[in-house]
Amino acid sequence: PRASTPPPVIGLAEMAAGEWETLSGDTSFQGLKIHLDGKFECEHGRLSGMITTVSAADRKISLKRKKRDNHEYIFELDEDGLRMVGQCTKSSASWVLTKATGPSTGT
């Protein structure tokens, strides 16, 4: 029998790419857009930064702001990539976000 080719592995940045809506939590991530290149922005560009992988196995990503305070937010993506739950590493603030649209190519 012929060996089948496994499906391509989708990276967490690709899984997270798109526009997100806040389901619960404050307005910090209102208008969140994650681009395929790992950059993110929200609040109409007033907040921006980069995402990095914390744990591929646990689908955890870090959203780290470029601002002086360098706050970091750890989010865990659901298996289907349509919802993520996160918390600020410096406070007890937490969020639940749901995906509104697919990936954006960025600017």
N, C-alpha and C. Protein backbone atom coordinates (compact mmCIF):
# COMPACT_ATOMS: atom_id res chain seq x y z
N PRO A 1 0.82 -1.20 0.00
CA PRO A 1 0.00 0.00 0.00
C PRO A 1 0.86 1.25 0.00
N ARG A 2 0.35 2.26 -0.66
CA ARG A 2 1.04 3.55 -0.78
C ARG A 2 0.87 4.37 0.51
N ALA A 3 1.95 4.97 0.96
CA ALA A 3 1.87 5.81 2.16
C ALA A 3 1.13 7.10 1.83
N SER A 4 0.23 7.47 2.71
CA SER A 4 -0.50 8.71 2.47
C SER A 4 0.29 9.89 3.01
N THR A 5 0.13 11.01 2.38
CA THR A 5 0.80 12.23 2.81
C THR A 5 -0.01 12.86 3.93
N PRO A 6 0.65 13.14 5.07
CA PRO A 6 -0.10 13.77 6.16
C PRO A 6 -0.53 15.18 5.78
N PRO A 7 -1.62 15.65 6.37
CA PRO A 7 -2.05 17.02 6.06
C PRO A 7 -1.01 18.02 6.55
N PRO A 8 -0.90 19.19 5.91
CA PRO A 8 0.07 20.17 6.34
C PRO A 8 -0.25 20.65 7.75
N VAL A 9 0.80 20.88 8.52
CA VAL A 9 0.62 21.38 9.88
C VAL A 9 0.43 22.89 9.81
N ILE A 10 -0.64 23.37 10.41
CA ILE A 10 -0.90 24.81 10.42
C ILE A 10 -0.27 25.38 11.68
N GLY A 11 0.54 26.42 11.51
CA GLY A 11 1.18 27.06 12.64
C GLY A 11 0.18 27.87 13.45
N LEU A 12 0.55 28.16 14.70
CA LEU A 12 -0.35 28.92 15.56
C LEU A 12 -0.60 30.32 15.03
N ALA A 13 0.41 30.94 14.41
CA ALA A 13 0.20 32.28 13.86
C ALA A 13 -0.85 32.24 12.76
N GLU A 14 -0.80 31.21 11.91
CA GLU A 14 -1.80 31.06 10.86
C GLU A 14 -3.18 30.79 11.46
N MET A 15 -3.20 29.97 12.50
CA MET A 15 -4.47 29.63 13.15
C MET A 15 -5.09 30.87 13.79
N ALA A 16 -4.26 31.72 14.38
CA ALA A 16 -4.74 32.91 15.08
C ALA A 16 -5.04 34.08 14.15
N ALA A 17 -4.50 34.04 12.93
CA ALA A 17 -4.65 35.17 12.02
C ALA A 17 -6.12 35.44 11.71
N GLY A 18 -6.48 36.72 11.72
CA GLY A 18 -7.84 37.13 11.42
C GLY A 18 -8.29 38.23 12.35
N GLU A 19 -9.57 38.53 12.28
CA GLU A 19 -10.16 39.56 13.15
C GLU A 19 -10.91 38.87 14.27
N TRP A 20 -10.79 39.43 15.47
CA TRP A 20 -11.37 38.84 16.67
C TRP A 20 -12.33 39.80 17.35
N GLU A 21 -13.34 39.23 18.00
CA GLU A 21 -14.31 40.01 18.77
C GLU A 21 -14.23 39.58 20.22
N THR A 22 -14.43 40.54 21.13
CA THR A 22 -14.39 40.24 22.56
C THR A 22 -15.73 39.68 23.02
N LEU A 23 -15.71 38.47 23.55
CA LEU A 23 -16.91 37.84 24.09
C LEU A 23 -17.05 38.19 25.57
N SER A 24 -15.92 38.21 26.30
CA SER A 24 -15.94 38.66 27.68
C SER A 24 -14.59 39.30 28.02
N GLY A 25 -14.62 40.20 29.00
CA GLY A 25 -13.42 40.94 29.37
C GLY A 25 -13.61 42.40 28.99
N ASP A 26 -12.62 43.23 29.31
CA ASP A 26 -12.72 44.66 29.00
C ASP A 26 -12.47 44.91 27.51
N THR A 27 -12.35 46.17 27.13
CA THR A 27 -12.25 46.53 25.71
C THR A 27 -10.81 46.57 25.19
N SER A 28 -9.85 46.06 25.96
CA SER A 28 -8.44 46.13 25.54
C SER A 28 -8.19 45.51 24.17
N PHE A 29 -8.93 44.47 23.81
CA PHE A 29 -8.69 43.79 22.54
C PHE A 29 -9.80 44.06 21.52
N GLN A 30 -10.51 45.17 21.71
CA GLN A 30 -11.55 45.55 20.77
C GLN A 30 -10.92 45.80 19.40
N GLY A 31 -11.47 45.17 18.37
CA GLY A 31 -10.96 45.34 17.02
C GLY A 31 -9.64 44.63 16.76
N LEU A 32 -9.32 43.58 17.53
CA LEU A 32 -8.06 42.86 17.37
C LEU A 32 -7.95 42.25 15.99
N LYS A 33 -6.84 42.53 15.32
CA LYS A 33 -6.52 41.92 14.03
C LYS A 33 -5.13 41.32 14.15
N ILE A 34 -5.04 40.03 13.87
CA ILE A 34 -3.75 39.34 13.86
C ILE A 34 -3.43 39.02 12.41
N HIS A 35 -2.25 39.46 11.98
CA HIS A 35 -1.83 39.27 10.59
C HIS A 35 -1.00 37.99 10.46
N LEU A 36 -0.93 37.46 9.26
CA LEU A 36 -0.19 36.23 9.00
C LEU A 36 1.29 36.34 9.36
N ASP A 37 1.83 37.55 9.34
CA ASP A 37 3.25 37.74 9.67
C ASP A 37 3.50 37.82 11.18
N GLY A 38 2.43 37.65 12.00
CA GLY A 38 2.59 37.66 13.44
C GLY A 38 2.36 39.00 14.11
N LYS A 39 2.17 40.05 13.32
CA LYS A 39 1.89 41.35 13.90
C LYS A 39 0.42 41.42 14.30
N PHE A 40 0.14 42.19 15.34
CA PHE A 40 -1.26 42.40 15.70
C PHE A 40 -1.49 43.86 16.02
N GLU A 41 -2.75 44.25 15.93
CA GLU A 41 -3.16 45.61 16.27
C GLU A 41 -4.59 45.55 16.76
N CYS A 42 -4.94 46.50 17.60
CA CYS A 42 -6.32 46.62 18.03
C CYS A 42 -6.58 48.05 18.46
N GLU A 43 -7.83 48.33 18.81
CA GLU A 43 -8.25 49.69 19.13
C GLU A 43 -7.85 50.64 17.99
N HIS A 44 -8.14 50.21 16.77
CA HIS A 44 -7.88 51.02 15.56
C HIS A 44 -6.42 51.42 15.45
N GLY A 45 -5.51 50.48 15.75
CA GLY A 45 -4.09 50.72 15.58
C GLY A 45 -3.39 51.37 16.75
N ARG A 46 -4.13 51.73 17.80
CA ARG A 46 -3.50 52.39 18.96
C ARG A 46 -2.67 51.41 19.78
N LEU A 47 -2.98 50.12 19.69
CA LEU A 47 -2.26 49.09 20.42
C LEU A 47 -1.74 48.11 19.39
N SER A 48 -0.44 47.83 19.43
CA SER A 48 0.12 46.91 18.45
C SER A 48 1.27 46.13 19.07
N GLY A 49 1.67 45.06 18.38
CA GLY A 49 2.76 44.23 18.87
C GLY A 49 2.92 43.00 18.00
N MET A 50 3.52 41.97 18.59
CA MET A 50 3.80 40.73 17.87
C MET A 50 3.29 39.55 18.69
N ILE A 51 2.89 38.49 17.97
CA ILE A 51 2.54 37.26 18.67
C ILE A 51 3.71 36.29 18.53
N THR A 52 3.89 35.47 19.54
CA THR A 52 4.89 34.40 19.51
C THR A 52 4.24 33.15 20.08
N THR A 53 4.81 32.01 19.76
CA THR A 53 4.31 30.74 20.27
C THR A 53 4.91 30.48 21.64
N VAL A 54 4.05 30.20 22.61
CA VAL A 54 4.48 29.82 23.94
C VAL A 54 4.58 28.30 24.01
N SER A 55 3.53 27.62 23.52
CA SER A 55 3.50 26.16 23.51
C SER A 55 2.63 25.70 22.34
N ALA A 56 3.26 25.10 21.35
CA ALA A 56 2.50 24.60 20.19
C ALA A 56 1.57 23.47 20.62
N ALA A 57 2.04 22.60 21.51
CA ALA A 57 1.24 21.46 21.95
C ALA A 57 -0.03 21.91 22.68
N ASP A 58 0.07 22.99 23.45
CA ASP A 58 -1.08 23.50 24.19
C ASP A 58 -1.81 24.63 23.46
N ARG A 59 -1.35 24.96 22.24
CA ARG A 59 -1.92 26.03 21.41
C ARG A 59 -1.91 27.37 22.16
N LYS A 60 -0.82 27.66 22.85
CA LYS A 60 -0.70 28.91 23.60
C LYS A 60 0.19 29.89 22.85
N ILE A 61 -0.33 31.12 22.73
CA ILE A 61 0.42 32.19 22.08
C ILE A 61 0.54 33.36 23.05
N SER A 62 1.55 34.17 22.80
CA SER A 62 1.75 35.38 23.58
C SER A 62 1.52 36.58 22.68
N LEU A 63 0.72 37.52 23.15
CA LEU A 63 0.56 38.80 22.47
C LEU A 63 1.33 39.81 23.31
N LYS A 64 2.41 40.32 22.77
CA LYS A 64 3.25 41.25 23.51
C LYS A 64 3.19 42.62 22.85
N ARG A 65 2.78 43.60 23.65
CA ARG A 65 2.65 44.97 23.13
C ARG A 65 4.00 45.61 22.91
N LYS A 66 4.04 46.56 21.98
CA LYS A 66 5.26 47.32 21.70
C LYS A 66 5.42 48.51 22.63
N LYS A 67 4.39 48.86 23.39
CA LYS A 67 4.45 50.02 24.26
C LYS A 67 5.51 49.85 25.34
N ARG A 68 5.82 50.94 26.00
CA ARG A 68 6.84 50.96 27.03
C ARG A 68 6.62 49.94 28.14
N ASP A 69 5.35 49.70 28.52
CA ASP A 69 5.09 48.80 29.64
C ASP A 69 5.30 47.32 29.29
N ASN A 70 5.36 47.01 27.99
CA ASN A 70 5.61 45.64 27.52
C ASN A 70 4.73 44.59 28.18
N HIS A 71 3.45 44.91 28.37
CA HIS A 71 2.54 43.91 28.91
C HIS A 71 2.48 42.72 27.97
N GLU A 72 2.33 41.56 28.55
CA GLU A 72 2.24 40.33 27.77
C GLU A 72 0.94 39.62 28.14
N TYR A 73 0.30 39.07 27.14
CA TYR A 73 -0.97 38.37 27.31
C TYR A 73 -0.82 36.97 26.74
N ILE A 74 -1.17 35.97 27.53
CA ILE A 74 -1.08 34.58 27.09
C ILE A 74 -2.49 34.10 26.75
N PHE A 75 -2.66 33.65 25.51
CA PHE A 75 -3.95 33.14 25.05
C PHE A 75 -3.81 31.69 24.64
N GLU A 76 -4.84 30.91 24.92
CA GLU A 76 -4.90 29.53 24.47
C GLU A 76 -6.00 29.41 23.43
N LEU A 77 -5.61 28.96 22.24
CA LEU A 77 -6.57 28.80 21.14
C LEU A 77 -7.31 27.47 21.26
N ASP A 78 -8.60 27.50 20.97
CA ASP A 78 -9.35 26.25 20.86
C ASP A 78 -8.82 25.47 19.67
N GLU A 79 -9.09 24.17 19.64
CA GLU A 79 -8.57 23.31 18.57
C GLU A 79 -8.97 23.77 17.19
N ASP A 80 -10.17 24.35 17.06
CA ASP A 80 -10.64 24.79 15.73
C ASP A 80 -10.16 26.20 15.39
N GLY A 81 -9.49 26.88 16.33
CA GLY A 81 -8.96 28.21 16.06
C GLY A 81 -10.00 29.31 16.02
N LEU A 82 -11.22 29.04 16.49
CA LEU A 82 -12.29 30.04 16.40
C LEU A 82 -12.56 30.77 17.72
N ARG A 83 -11.85 30.38 18.77
CA ARG A 83 -12.04 31.00 20.08
C ARG A 83 -10.72 30.93 20.83
N MET A 84 -10.42 31.95 21.62
CA MET A 84 -9.24 31.89 22.46
C MET A 84 -9.51 32.58 23.79
N VAL A 85 -8.90 32.04 24.83
CA VAL A 85 -9.06 32.54 26.19
C VAL A 85 -7.68 33.00 26.65
N GLY A 86 -7.63 34.22 27.22
CA GLY A 86 -6.33 34.74 27.62
C GLY A 86 -6.35 35.51 28.91
N GLN A 87 -5.12 35.77 29.41
CA GLN A 87 -4.96 36.51 30.64
C GLN A 87 -3.68 37.32 30.57
N CYS A 88 -3.70 38.50 31.21
CA CYS A 88 -2.52 39.34 31.31
C CYS A 88 -1.58 38.70 32.32
N THR A 89 -0.27 38.67 32.02
CA THR A 89 0.69 38.07 32.93
C THR A 89 0.96 38.96 34.15
N LYS A 90 0.56 40.23 34.09
CA LYS A 90 0.83 41.16 35.19
C LYS A 90 -0.40 41.52 36.01
N SER A 91 -1.55 40.98 35.65
CA SER A 91 -2.78 41.27 36.40
C SER A 91 -3.71 40.08 36.29
N SER A 92 -4.87 40.19 36.91
CA SER A 92 -5.84 39.11 36.84
C SER A 92 -6.83 39.30 35.69
N ALA A 93 -6.61 40.33 34.87
CA ALA A 93 -7.52 40.60 33.75
C ALA A 93 -7.52 39.42 32.78
N SER A 94 -8.72 39.04 32.31
CA SER A 94 -8.81 37.93 31.37
C SER A 94 -9.84 38.24 30.29
N TRP A 95 -9.74 37.52 29.19
CA TRP A 95 -10.60 37.74 28.03
C TRP A 95 -10.98 36.43 27.38
N VAL A 96 -12.13 36.43 26.73
CA VAL A 96 -12.53 35.37 25.83
C VAL A 96 -12.82 36.06 24.51
N LEU A 97 -12.12 35.62 23.46
CA LEU A 97 -12.27 36.23 22.13
C LEU A 97 -12.77 35.18 21.15
N THR A 98 -13.59 35.60 20.20
CA THR A 98 -14.05 34.71 19.14
C THR A 98 -13.66 35.30 17.79
N LYS A 99 -13.35 34.44 16.86
CA LYS A 99 -12.89 34.88 15.54
C LYS A 99 -14.07 35.38 14.72
N ALA A 100 -13.89 36.58 14.16
CA ALA A 100 -14.93 37.19 13.33
C ALA A 100 -14.70 36.89 11.86
N THR A 101 -13.43 36.95 11.41
CA THR A 101 -13.09 36.70 10.01
C THR A 101 -11.77 35.98 9.91
N GLY A 102 -11.44 35.51 8.72
CA GLY A 102 -10.21 34.79 8.46
C GLY A 102 -8.98 35.68 8.45
N PRO A 103 -7.85 35.13 7.98
CA PRO A 103 -6.57 35.83 8.03
C PRO A 103 -6.52 37.09 7.20
N SER A 104 -5.68 38.00 7.66
CA SER A 104 -5.39 39.24 6.94
C SER A 104 -3.93 39.19 6.52
N THR A 105 -3.63 39.70 5.37
CA THR A 105 -2.25 39.65 4.89
C THR A 105 -1.37 40.71 5.52
N GLY A 106 -1.95 41.65 6.23
CA GLY A 106 -1.15 42.69 6.89
C GLY A 106 -0.90 43.85 5.96
N THR A 107 -0.12 44.81 6.46
CA THR A 107 0.18 45.99 5.64
C THR A 107 1.66 46.15 5.49
